[in-house]
Amino acid sequence: MNKTSYMFGCLGLIALFGLIGFFWAKSTYNGMVDQEVAVEQQWAQVRNVYQRRMDLIPNLVETVKGAANFEKSTLTEIADARSRIGQLNVNENTFKDPKALDNFLASQDKLNGAIGRLMAQVENYPDLKATQNFQSLSVSLEGSENRIAVERKKFNEAAGVYNTTIRRFPANLFAGIFGFEKIDFYEGDKGNEKAPTVKF
């Protein structure tokens, strides 16, 4: 074997390893991008179902307003909570900012509480509960709550896949170089880990 063919053989081997490394790096990087985009898409869907609920609330409030002597402070509380949510700057990157996400979730929790009080008070108004419009809105609201739970679960699943990928070796090296950061999971409301005390 002469020197020239040996040199070409070595260069060919180096080029082969270089190509394999390039395609591996490209695949790893693109895989992380795909997973990050999947998390972003799932966050958009979470925002979508929260918006669906926000759109139902004015109709529910108007329907309840028709009930004589209904507790006006609860309706005002719902309107205020909904207004605060509308003033938040919630966008496709909110889930990446823990403070912005906490503000969003705290506002949603206040609205959930107000809606819960409204539905509890409705029990005292059998005529209102019997109206078709209220029943329809109530079912739609319940459906929205179920959709929210499902989409939050899917967001956590997508974030879990992404977080696992960027933490595994050697992808974690690329994640650090290219700025792929861990995404926080949705967590249950504080205090939900304790069973409620029921008293009669």
N, C-alpha and C. Protein backbone atom coordinates (compact mmCIF):
# COMPACT_ATOMS: atom_id res chain seq x y z
N MET A 1 0.86 -1.18 0.00
CA MET A 1 0.00 0.00 0.00
C MET A 1 0.90 1.24 0.00
N ASN A 2 0.69 2.10 -0.98
CA ASN A 2 1.52 3.29 -1.06
C ASN A 2 0.95 4.41 -0.19
N LYS A 3 1.77 5.45 -0.04
CA LYS A 3 1.39 6.57 0.84
C LYS A 3 0.14 7.28 0.35
N THR A 4 -0.03 7.46 -0.92
CA THR A 4 -1.16 8.20 -1.48
C THR A 4 -2.47 7.48 -1.19
N SER A 5 -2.52 6.21 -1.42
CA SER A 5 -3.77 5.49 -1.16
C SER A 5 -4.05 5.43 0.34
N TYR A 6 -3.00 5.34 1.15
CA TYR A 6 -3.18 5.36 2.62
C TYR A 6 -3.76 6.70 3.05
N MET A 7 -3.23 7.79 2.49
CA MET A 7 -3.71 9.12 2.83
C MET A 7 -5.16 9.30 2.39
N PHE A 8 -5.48 8.84 1.17
CA PHE A 8 -6.87 8.93 0.70
C PHE A 8 -7.80 8.07 1.55
N GLY A 9 -7.32 6.92 1.97
CA GLY A 9 -8.13 6.06 2.84
C GLY A 9 -8.42 6.73 4.17
N CYS A 10 -7.42 7.37 4.76
CA CYS A 10 -7.61 8.09 6.03
C CYS A 10 -8.55 9.28 5.85
N LEU A 11 -8.35 10.03 4.77
CA LEU A 11 -9.23 11.17 4.50
C LEU A 11 -10.67 10.70 4.27
N GLY A 12 -10.82 9.58 3.58
CA GLY A 12 -12.16 9.03 3.36
C GLY A 12 -12.82 8.62 4.66
N LEU A 13 -12.04 8.01 5.54
CA LEU A 13 -12.56 7.61 6.84
C LEU A 13 -12.95 8.82 7.68
N ILE A 14 -12.11 9.85 7.66
CA ILE A 14 -12.40 11.09 8.39
C ILE A 14 -13.67 11.74 7.82
N ALA A 15 -13.76 11.78 6.49
CA ALA A 15 -14.95 12.35 5.85
C ALA A 15 -16.20 11.55 6.21
N LEU A 16 -16.09 10.22 6.24
CA LEU A 16 -17.22 9.38 6.61
C LEU A 16 -17.68 9.65 8.04
N PHE A 17 -16.71 9.69 8.97
CA PHE A 17 -17.06 10.00 10.35
C PHE A 17 -17.62 11.42 10.49
N GLY A 18 -17.06 12.34 9.70
CA GLY A 18 -17.58 13.72 9.71
C GLY A 18 -19.02 13.78 9.24
N LEU A 19 -19.32 13.03 8.16
CA LEU A 19 -20.70 13.00 7.65
C LEU A 19 -21.65 12.36 8.66
N ILE A 20 -21.21 11.26 9.26
CA ILE A 20 -22.05 10.59 10.27
C ILE A 20 -22.31 11.55 11.43
N GLY A 21 -21.25 12.24 11.88
CA GLY A 21 -21.40 13.21 12.97
C GLY A 21 -22.32 14.35 12.59
N PHE A 22 -22.18 14.84 11.35
CA PHE A 22 -23.03 15.94 10.89
C PHE A 22 -24.50 15.52 10.88
N PHE A 23 -24.78 14.35 10.32
CA PHE A 23 -26.17 13.91 10.24
C PHE A 23 -26.75 13.58 11.62
N TRP A 24 -25.91 13.07 12.51
CA TRP A 24 -26.37 12.82 13.87
C TRP A 24 -26.69 14.15 14.57
N ALA A 25 -25.79 15.13 14.45
CA ALA A 25 -26.00 16.44 15.09
C ALA A 25 -27.25 17.12 14.51
N LYS A 26 -27.40 17.02 13.19
CA LYS A 26 -28.57 17.61 12.54
C LYS A 26 -29.84 16.95 13.05
N SER A 27 -29.84 15.64 13.13
CA SER A 27 -31.01 14.90 13.60
C SER A 27 -31.34 15.24 15.05
N THR A 28 -30.32 15.32 15.90
CA THR A 28 -30.52 15.65 17.31
C THR A 28 -31.09 17.05 17.46
N TYR A 29 -30.49 18.02 16.78
CA TYR A 29 -30.96 19.40 16.85
C TYR A 29 -32.40 19.52 16.34
N ASN A 30 -32.65 18.94 15.18
CA ASN A 30 -34.00 19.02 14.61
C ASN A 30 -35.03 18.31 15.48
N GLY A 31 -34.63 17.22 16.12
CA GLY A 31 -35.53 16.53 17.03
C GLY A 31 -35.92 17.41 18.21
N MET A 32 -34.95 18.15 18.77
CA MET A 32 -35.25 19.06 19.87
C MET A 32 -36.15 20.20 19.41
N VAL A 33 -35.90 20.70 18.21
CA VAL A 33 -36.76 21.77 17.66
C VAL A 33 -38.19 21.24 17.48
N ASP A 34 -38.32 20.06 16.92
CA ASP A 34 -39.65 19.47 16.72
C ASP A 34 -40.39 19.32 18.05
N GLN A 35 -39.69 18.87 19.07
CA GLN A 35 -40.34 18.68 20.37
C GLN A 35 -40.69 20.01 21.03
N GLU A 36 -39.83 21.02 20.86
CA GLU A 36 -40.15 22.34 21.41
C GLU A 36 -41.37 22.92 20.72
N VAL A 37 -41.45 22.75 19.42
CA VAL A 37 -42.62 23.23 18.67
C VAL A 37 -43.88 22.49 19.10
N ALA A 38 -43.76 21.19 19.38
CA ALA A 38 -44.91 20.42 19.86
C ALA A 38 -45.41 20.97 21.19
N VAL A 39 -44.49 21.36 22.07
CA VAL A 39 -44.89 21.96 23.36
C VAL A 39 -45.58 23.30 23.11
N GLU A 40 -45.02 24.10 22.20
CA GLU A 40 -45.63 25.40 21.87
C GLU A 40 -47.03 25.22 21.29
N GLN A 41 -47.20 24.23 20.42
CA GLN A 41 -48.53 23.96 19.86
C GLN A 41 -49.50 23.54 20.96
N GLN A 42 -49.03 22.73 21.88
CA GLN A 42 -49.91 22.29 22.96
C GLN A 42 -50.26 23.45 23.87
N TRP A 43 -49.34 24.36 24.10
CA TRP A 43 -49.63 25.56 24.89
C TRP A 43 -50.70 26.40 24.19
N ALA A 44 -50.61 26.51 22.87
CA ALA A 44 -51.62 27.24 22.11
C ALA A 44 -52.99 26.59 22.29
N GLN A 45 -53.03 25.27 22.35
CA GLN A 45 -54.31 24.57 22.55
C GLN A 45 -54.84 24.81 23.96
N VAL A 46 -53.95 24.87 24.94
CA VAL A 46 -54.38 25.19 26.32
C VAL A 46 -55.00 26.58 26.33
N ARG A 47 -54.34 27.54 25.70
CA ARG A 47 -54.90 28.90 25.63
C ARG A 47 -56.24 28.90 24.91
N ASN A 48 -56.37 28.08 23.88
CA ASN A 48 -57.60 27.98 23.11
C ASN A 48 -58.78 27.53 23.98
N VAL A 49 -58.56 26.50 24.80
CA VAL A 49 -59.69 26.01 25.61
C VAL A 49 -60.01 26.97 26.75
N TYR A 50 -59.00 27.66 27.28
CA TYR A 50 -59.29 28.70 28.28
C TYR A 50 -60.10 29.82 27.64
N GLN A 51 -59.78 30.16 26.39
CA GLN A 51 -60.53 31.21 25.69
C GLN A 51 -61.97 30.76 25.45
N ARG A 52 -62.17 29.50 25.15
CA ARG A 52 -63.52 28.98 24.95
C ARG A 52 -64.35 29.19 26.20
N ARG A 53 -63.74 28.89 27.35
CA ARG A 53 -64.45 29.11 28.62
C ARG A 53 -64.73 30.59 28.83
N MET A 54 -63.74 31.44 28.53
CA MET A 54 -63.93 32.89 28.68
C MET A 54 -65.09 33.39 27.83
N ASP A 55 -65.24 32.82 26.65
CA ASP A 55 -66.32 33.24 25.75
C ASP A 55 -67.70 32.80 26.26
N LEU A 56 -67.75 31.70 27.00
CA LEU A 56 -69.02 31.22 27.54
C LEU A 56 -69.51 32.03 28.73
N ILE A 57 -68.59 32.59 29.49
CA ILE A 57 -68.95 33.23 30.76
C ILE A 57 -69.93 34.38 30.61
N PRO A 58 -69.77 35.31 29.66
CA PRO A 58 -70.75 36.40 29.56
C PRO A 58 -72.18 35.89 29.33
N ASN A 59 -72.34 34.84 28.52
CA ASN A 59 -73.67 34.28 28.29
C ASN A 59 -74.24 33.67 29.57
N LEU A 60 -73.38 32.99 30.32
CA LEU A 60 -73.81 32.40 31.58
C LEU A 60 -74.24 33.49 32.56
N VAL A 61 -73.44 34.53 32.68
CA VAL A 61 -73.75 35.63 33.59
C VAL A 61 -75.06 36.30 33.19
N GLU A 62 -75.26 36.54 31.91
CA GLU A 62 -76.50 37.18 31.46
C GLU A 62 -77.72 36.31 31.75
N THR A 63 -77.56 35.02 31.58
CA THR A 63 -78.67 34.10 31.87
C THR A 63 -79.01 34.13 33.35
N VAL A 64 -77.99 34.14 34.20
CA VAL A 64 -78.21 34.13 35.64
C VAL A 64 -78.77 35.47 36.11
N LYS A 65 -78.38 36.55 35.47
CA LYS A 65 -78.87 37.88 35.86
C LYS A 65 -80.39 37.95 35.82
N GLY A 66 -80.98 37.13 34.98
CA GLY A 66 -82.43 37.14 34.86
C GLY A 66 -83.14 36.60 36.09
N ALA A 67 -82.44 35.88 36.95
CA ALA A 67 -83.07 35.34 38.16
C ALA A 67 -83.25 36.46 39.17
N ALA A 68 -84.44 36.57 39.70
CA ALA A 68 -84.75 37.63 40.66
C ALA A 68 -83.93 37.44 41.92
N ASN A 69 -83.46 38.56 42.47
CA ASN A 69 -82.73 38.59 43.75
C ASN A 69 -81.47 37.72 43.75
N PHE A 70 -80.88 37.51 42.58
CA PHE A 70 -79.68 36.68 42.57
C PHE A 70 -78.53 37.48 43.16
N GLU A 71 -77.61 36.78 43.81
CA GLU A 71 -76.46 37.37 44.48
C GLU A 71 -75.59 38.14 43.47
N LYS A 72 -75.71 39.47 43.47
CA LYS A 72 -75.01 40.30 42.48
C LYS A 72 -73.50 40.32 42.70
N SER A 73 -73.04 40.17 43.95
CA SER A 73 -71.61 40.24 44.21
C SER A 73 -70.86 39.11 43.50
N THR A 74 -71.49 37.95 43.37
CA THR A 74 -70.85 36.83 42.68
C THR A 74 -70.70 37.15 41.19
N LEU A 75 -71.74 37.73 40.61
CA LEU A 75 -71.66 38.10 39.19
C LEU A 75 -70.57 39.15 38.97
N THR A 76 -70.48 40.10 39.90
CA THR A 76 -69.44 41.13 39.81
C THR A 76 -68.06 40.50 39.94
N GLU A 77 -67.92 39.55 40.85
CA GLU A 77 -66.64 38.86 41.04
C GLU A 77 -66.22 38.13 39.77
N ILE A 78 -67.17 37.48 39.11
CA ILE A 78 -66.87 36.78 37.86
C ILE A 78 -66.44 37.77 36.79
N ALA A 79 -67.17 38.86 36.68
CA ALA A 79 -66.84 39.87 35.67
C ALA A 79 -65.45 40.45 35.93
N ASP A 80 -65.13 40.71 37.21
CA ASP A 80 -63.81 41.26 37.55
C ASP A 80 -62.70 40.25 37.24
N ALA A 81 -62.92 38.99 37.61
CA ALA A 81 -61.90 37.96 37.36
C ALA A 81 -61.68 37.79 35.86
N ARG A 82 -62.76 37.79 35.11
CA ARG A 82 -62.64 37.65 33.65
C ARG A 82 -61.91 38.85 33.05
N SER A 83 -62.21 40.03 33.57
CA SER A 83 -61.55 41.24 33.10
C SER A 83 -60.05 41.20 33.38
N ARG A 84 -59.67 40.73 34.57
CA ARG A 84 -58.24 40.64 34.92
C ARG A 84 -57.52 39.68 33.97
N ILE A 85 -58.17 38.58 33.64
CA ILE A 85 -57.55 37.64 32.70
C ILE A 85 -57.38 38.29 31.34
N GLY A 86 -58.38 39.05 30.93
CA GLY A 86 -58.31 39.73 29.64
C GLY A 86 -57.19 40.76 29.56
N GLN A 87 -56.78 41.28 30.73
CA GLN A 87 -55.72 42.29 30.75
C GLN A 87 -54.32 41.68 30.76
N LEU A 88 -54.24 40.38 31.03
CA LEU A 88 -52.93 39.71 31.04
C LEU A 88 -52.38 39.62 29.63
N ASN A 89 -51.07 39.73 29.53
CA ASN A 89 -50.41 39.57 28.24
C ASN A 89 -49.99 38.10 28.11
N VAL A 90 -50.93 37.28 27.65
CA VAL A 90 -50.69 35.84 27.51
C VAL A 90 -50.41 35.56 26.04
N ASN A 91 -49.23 34.98 25.79
CA ASN A 91 -48.87 34.70 24.40
C ASN A 91 -48.22 33.33 24.30
N GLU A 92 -47.62 33.06 23.15
CA GLU A 92 -47.06 31.73 22.91
C GLU A 92 -45.84 31.44 23.78
N ASN A 93 -45.27 32.46 24.43
CA ASN A 93 -44.09 32.25 25.27
C ASN A 93 -44.38 32.33 26.76
N THR A 94 -45.63 32.54 27.14
CA THR A 94 -45.97 32.70 28.56
C THR A 94 -45.53 31.48 29.37
N PHE A 95 -45.67 30.29 28.80
CA PHE A 95 -45.32 29.07 29.54
C PHE A 95 -43.82 28.98 29.82
N LYS A 96 -43.01 29.77 29.13
CA LYS A 96 -41.56 29.75 29.34
C LYS A 96 -41.14 30.70 30.47
N ASP A 97 -42.04 31.58 30.89
CA ASP A 97 -41.75 32.55 31.95
C ASP A 97 -42.53 32.15 33.20
N PRO A 98 -41.85 31.59 34.21
CA PRO A 98 -42.56 31.10 35.40
C PRO A 98 -43.44 32.16 36.08
N LYS A 99 -42.98 33.40 36.14
CA LYS A 99 -43.78 34.46 36.78
C LYS A 99 -45.05 34.75 35.98
N ALA A 100 -44.92 34.87 34.67
CA ALA A 100 -46.08 35.14 33.81
C ALA A 100 -47.06 33.96 33.88
N LEU A 101 -46.52 32.74 33.89
CA LEU A 101 -47.38 31.56 33.97
C LEU A 101 -48.11 31.52 35.32
N ASP A 102 -47.41 31.85 36.41
CA ASP A 102 -48.05 31.89 37.73
C ASP A 102 -49.17 32.92 37.77
N ASN A 103 -48.95 34.10 37.16
CA ASN A 103 -50.00 35.13 37.11
C ASN A 103 -51.21 34.63 36.34
N PHE A 104 -50.95 33.98 35.21
CA PHE A 104 -52.04 33.45 34.39
C PHE A 104 -52.84 32.41 35.17
N LEU A 105 -52.13 31.47 35.81
CA LEU A 105 -52.81 30.40 36.55
C LEU A 105 -53.55 30.94 37.77
N ALA A 106 -52.97 31.94 38.46
CA ALA A 106 -53.64 32.53 39.61
C ALA A 106 -54.93 33.22 39.18
N SER A 107 -54.90 33.91 38.05
CA SER A 107 -56.11 34.57 37.54
C SER A 107 -57.17 33.54 37.15
N GLN A 108 -56.73 32.44 36.54
CA GLN A 108 -57.68 31.37 36.19
C GLN A 108 -58.28 30.74 37.44
N ASP A 109 -57.45 30.60 38.50
CA ASP A 109 -57.95 30.04 39.76
C ASP A 109 -59.02 30.93 40.38
N LYS A 110 -58.82 32.25 40.33
CA LYS A 110 -59.82 33.18 40.86
C LYS A 110 -61.12 33.05 40.09
N LEU A 111 -61.01 32.94 38.78
CA LEU A 111 -62.21 32.77 37.96
C LEU A 111 -62.89 31.45 38.27
N ASN A 112 -62.10 30.38 38.42
CA ASN A 112 -62.67 29.07 38.78
C ASN A 112 -63.45 29.16 40.09
N GLY A 113 -62.86 29.84 41.07
CA GLY A 113 -63.53 29.98 42.37
C GLY A 113 -64.84 30.74 42.25
N ALA A 114 -64.84 31.81 41.48
CA ALA A 114 -66.05 32.61 41.31
C ALA A 114 -67.13 31.80 40.58
N ILE A 115 -66.74 31.05 39.56
CA ILE A 115 -67.71 30.22 38.84
C ILE A 115 -68.26 29.14 39.76
N GLY A 116 -67.39 28.56 40.59
CA GLY A 116 -67.83 27.55 41.55
C GLY A 116 -68.86 28.10 42.52
N ARG A 117 -68.63 29.33 43.02
CA ARG A 117 -69.60 29.96 43.93
C ARG A 117 -70.91 30.24 43.20
N LEU A 118 -70.81 30.66 41.95
CA LEU A 118 -72.01 30.92 41.16
C LEU A 118 -72.85 29.64 41.01
N MET A 119 -72.18 28.56 40.64
CA MET A 119 -72.91 27.31 40.44
C MET A 119 -73.51 26.80 41.75
N ALA A 120 -72.84 27.04 42.87
CA ALA A 120 -73.39 26.63 44.18
C ALA A 120 -74.63 27.46 44.50
N GLN A 121 -74.60 28.74 44.19
CA GLN A 121 -75.75 29.61 44.48
C GLN A 121 -76.94 29.29 43.57
N VAL A 122 -76.66 28.81 42.38
CA VAL A 122 -77.73 28.49 41.43
C VAL A 122 -78.64 27.40 42.00
N GLU A 123 -78.09 26.56 42.90
CA GLU A 123 -78.90 25.51 43.53
C GLU A 123 -80.14 26.07 44.21
N ASN A 124 -80.07 27.33 44.65
CA ASN A 124 -81.21 27.96 45.34
C ASN A 124 -82.27 28.49 44.36
N TYR A 125 -82.03 28.33 43.08
CA TYR A 125 -82.94 28.85 42.06
C TYR A 125 -83.37 27.74 41.11
N PRO A 126 -84.31 26.91 41.55
CA PRO A 126 -84.72 25.77 40.70
C PRO A 126 -85.29 26.21 39.35
N ASP A 127 -85.96 27.36 39.31
CA ASP A 127 -86.50 27.83 38.02
C ASP A 127 -85.38 28.14 37.03
N LEU A 128 -84.30 28.73 37.55
CA LEU A 128 -83.16 29.04 36.70
C LEU A 128 -82.50 27.75 36.20
N LYS A 129 -82.33 26.79 37.10
CA LYS A 129 -81.70 25.53 36.72
C LYS A 129 -82.51 24.79 35.66
N ALA A 130 -83.82 25.03 35.65
CA ALA A 130 -84.69 24.31 34.74
C ALA A 130 -84.71 24.92 33.33
N THR A 131 -84.22 26.16 33.17
CA THR A 131 -84.28 26.78 31.84
C THR A 131 -83.30 26.10 30.89
N GLN A 132 -83.74 25.97 29.66
CA GLN A 132 -82.93 25.30 28.63
C GLN A 132 -81.61 26.04 28.39
N ASN A 133 -81.68 27.36 28.37
CA ASN A 133 -80.48 28.15 28.10
C ASN A 133 -79.44 27.92 29.19
N PHE A 134 -79.86 27.94 30.46
CA PHE A 134 -78.92 27.73 31.55
C PHE A 134 -78.35 26.31 31.50
N GLN A 135 -79.20 25.33 31.25
CA GLN A 135 -78.73 23.95 31.18
C GLN A 135 -77.68 23.79 30.07
N SER A 136 -77.98 24.39 28.93
CA SER A 136 -77.05 24.30 27.81
C SER A 136 -75.71 24.96 28.14
N LEU A 137 -75.77 26.15 28.75
CA LEU A 137 -74.54 26.84 29.11
C LEU A 137 -73.76 26.08 30.19
N SER A 138 -74.49 25.50 31.12
CA SER A 138 -73.87 24.74 32.20
C SER A 138 -73.12 23.52 31.63
N VAL A 139 -73.74 22.82 30.70
CA VAL A 139 -73.10 21.67 30.06
C VAL A 139 -71.88 22.12 29.26
N SER A 140 -71.99 23.24 28.56
CA SER A 140 -70.86 23.76 27.78
C SER A 140 -69.70 24.15 28.69
N LEU A 141 -70.03 24.76 29.82
CA LEU A 141 -69.00 25.15 30.77
C LEU A 141 -68.30 23.92 31.35
N GLU A 142 -69.07 22.91 31.68
CA GLU A 142 -68.49 21.67 32.20
C GLU A 142 -67.60 21.02 31.14
N GLY A 143 -68.06 21.05 29.90
CA GLY A 143 -67.25 20.52 28.80
C GLY A 143 -65.94 21.28 28.66
N SER A 144 -66.00 22.60 28.84
CA SER A 144 -64.79 23.42 28.76
C SER A 144 -63.81 23.05 29.87
N GLU A 145 -64.33 22.84 31.06
CA GLU A 145 -63.47 22.46 32.18
C GLU A 145 -62.79 21.12 31.89
N ASN A 146 -63.54 20.19 31.32
CA ASN A 146 -62.94 18.89 30.96
C ASN A 146 -61.87 19.04 29.88
N ARG A 147 -62.15 19.90 28.89
CA ARG A 147 -61.17 20.14 27.83
C ARG A 147 -59.90 20.77 28.39
N ILE A 148 -60.07 21.69 29.33
CA ILE A 148 -58.91 22.33 29.95
C ILE A 148 -58.05 21.28 30.63
N ALA A 149 -58.68 20.39 31.39
CA ALA A 149 -57.92 19.34 32.08
C ALA A 149 -57.18 18.45 31.09
N VAL A 150 -57.84 18.09 30.00
CA VAL A 150 -57.22 17.22 28.99
C VAL A 150 -56.04 17.93 28.32
N GLU A 151 -56.23 19.18 27.95
CA GLU A 151 -55.17 19.91 27.24
C GLU A 151 -53.99 20.20 28.16
N ARG A 152 -54.25 20.45 29.45
CA ARG A 152 -53.16 20.65 30.40
C ARG A 152 -52.36 19.35 30.53
N LYS A 153 -53.05 18.23 30.55
CA LYS A 153 -52.38 16.92 30.63
C LYS A 153 -51.51 16.71 29.38
N LYS A 154 -52.04 17.02 28.21
CA LYS A 154 -51.28 16.86 26.97
C LYS A 154 -50.07 17.80 26.95
N PHE A 155 -50.24 19.00 27.49
CA PHE A 155 -49.11 19.94 27.58
C PHE A 155 -48.01 19.33 28.44
N ASN A 156 -48.39 18.77 29.59
CA ASN A 156 -47.40 18.14 30.48
C ASN A 156 -46.70 16.97 29.80
N GLU A 157 -47.45 16.20 29.01
CA GLU A 157 -46.85 15.07 28.29
C GLU A 157 -45.83 15.57 27.27
N ALA A 158 -46.20 16.59 26.50
CA ALA A 158 -45.29 17.14 25.50
C ALA A 158 -44.06 17.76 26.17
N ALA A 159 -44.28 18.47 27.28
CA ALA A 159 -43.15 19.06 28.02
C ALA A 159 -42.25 17.96 28.58
N GLY A 160 -42.84 16.85 29.02
CA GLY A 160 -42.06 15.74 29.56
C GLY A 160 -41.15 15.12 28.51
N VAL A 161 -41.67 14.91 27.32
CA VAL A 161 -40.86 14.34 26.23
C VAL A 161 -39.71 15.29 25.89
N TYR A 162 -40.04 16.57 25.76
CA TYR A 162 -39.03 17.59 25.43
C TYR A 162 -37.97 17.67 26.53
N ASN A 163 -38.41 17.76 27.79
CA ASN A 163 -37.46 17.88 28.91
C ASN A 163 -36.54 16.66 28.99
N THR A 164 -37.10 15.49 28.75
CA THR A 164 -36.28 14.27 28.77
C THR A 164 -35.23 14.31 27.68
N THR A 165 -35.62 14.73 26.49
CA THR A 165 -34.68 14.79 25.36
C THR A 165 -33.53 15.74 25.64
N ILE A 166 -33.83 16.92 26.14
CA ILE A 166 -32.75 17.91 26.32
C ILE A 166 -31.85 17.59 27.52
N ARG A 167 -32.27 16.65 28.37
CA ARG A 167 -31.44 16.28 29.52
C ARG A 167 -30.59 15.04 29.26
N ARG A 168 -30.92 14.28 28.22
CA ARG A 168 -30.17 13.05 27.94
C ARG A 168 -28.86 13.36 27.23
N PHE A 169 -27.86 12.57 27.58
CA PHE A 169 -26.56 12.71 26.93
C PHE A 169 -26.59 12.00 25.59
N PRO A 170 -26.05 12.49 24.56
CA PRO A 170 -25.29 13.72 24.39
C PRO A 170 -26.13 14.90 23.91
N ALA A 171 -27.45 14.69 23.80
CA ALA A 171 -28.31 15.80 23.34
C ALA A 171 -28.24 16.99 24.29
N ASN A 172 -27.96 16.73 25.57
CA ASN A 172 -27.88 17.83 26.52
C ASN A 172 -26.76 18.81 26.17
N LEU A 173 -25.72 18.32 25.49
CA LEU A 173 -24.64 19.21 25.05
C LEU A 173 -25.17 20.22 24.02
N PHE A 174 -25.94 19.71 23.06
CA PHE A 174 -26.54 20.59 22.05
C PHE A 174 -27.57 21.52 22.68
N ALA A 175 -28.34 20.99 23.62
CA ALA A 175 -29.35 21.81 24.28
C ALA A 175 -28.70 23.01 24.96
N GLY A 176 -27.57 22.77 25.63
CA GLY A 176 -26.87 23.86 26.29
C GLY A 176 -26.29 24.86 25.30
N ILE A 177 -25.72 24.35 24.23
CA ILE A 177 -25.10 25.22 23.22
C ILE A 177 -26.15 26.08 22.53
N PHE A 178 -27.29 25.47 22.17
CA PHE A 178 -28.29 26.18 21.37
C PHE A 178 -29.41 26.79 22.20
N GLY A 179 -29.33 26.72 23.52
CA GLY A 179 -30.29 27.43 24.38
C GLY A 179 -31.63 26.76 24.56
N PHE A 180 -31.70 25.45 24.42
CA PHE A 180 -32.95 24.75 24.71
C PHE A 180 -33.06 24.61 26.23
N GLU A 181 -34.10 25.18 26.82
CA GLU A 181 -34.24 25.19 28.27
C GLU A 181 -35.42 24.34 28.72
N LYS A 182 -35.33 23.87 29.96
CA LYS A 182 -36.39 23.07 30.57
C LYS A 182 -37.69 23.86 30.61
N ILE A 183 -38.80 23.17 30.37
CA ILE A 183 -40.12 23.78 30.43
C ILE A 183 -40.83 23.26 31.67
N ASP A 184 -41.38 24.19 32.45
CA ASP A 184 -42.09 23.79 33.67
C ASP A 184 -43.41 23.12 33.34
N PHE A 185 -43.78 22.17 34.17
CA PHE A 185 -45.06 21.49 34.02
C PHE A 185 -46.17 22.30 34.66
N TYR A 186 -47.38 22.09 34.16
CA TYR A 186 -48.56 22.57 34.89
C TYR A 186 -48.64 21.76 36.16
N GLU A 187 -48.94 22.41 37.25
CA GLU A 187 -49.13 21.69 38.50
C GLU A 187 -50.52 21.98 39.02
N GLY A 188 -51.01 21.11 39.89
CA GLY A 188 -52.31 21.33 40.51
C GLY A 188 -52.28 22.57 41.37
N ASP A 189 -53.45 23.09 41.66
CA ASP A 189 -53.56 24.26 42.52
C ASP A 189 -52.98 23.94 43.89
N LYS A 190 -52.34 24.92 44.50
CA LYS A 190 -51.75 24.71 45.82
C LYS A 190 -52.85 24.34 46.81
N GLY A 191 -52.58 23.33 47.62
CA GLY A 191 -53.56 22.89 48.61
C GLY A 191 -54.40 21.73 48.14
N ASN A 192 -54.37 21.41 46.84
CA ASN A 192 -55.18 20.30 46.32
C ASN A 192 -54.64 18.93 46.73
N GLU A 193 -53.40 18.92 47.23
CA GLU A 193 -52.84 17.63 47.63
C GLU A 193 -53.46 17.12 48.93
N LYS A 194 -54.16 18.01 49.66
CA LYS A 194 -54.83 17.60 50.90
C LYS A 194 -56.31 17.38 50.62
N ALA A 195 -56.85 16.31 51.18
CA ALA A 195 -58.28 16.03 51.01
C ALA A 195 -59.08 17.09 51.75
N PRO A 196 -60.17 17.60 51.13
CA PRO A 196 -60.98 18.60 51.81
C PRO A 196 -61.73 18.01 52.99
N THR A 197 -61.98 18.86 53.99
CA THR A 197 -62.78 18.43 55.14
C THR A 197 -64.24 18.69 54.83
N VAL A 198 -65.05 17.67 54.95
CA VAL A 198 -66.48 17.80 54.66
C VAL A 198 -67.23 17.81 56.00
N LYS A 199 -68.03 18.84 56.21
CA LYS A 199 -68.82 18.94 57.45
C LYS A 199 -70.27 19.16 57.08
N PHE A 200 -71.15 18.51 57.82
CA PHE A 200 -72.59 18.69 57.60
C PHE A 200 -73.18 19.36 58.83
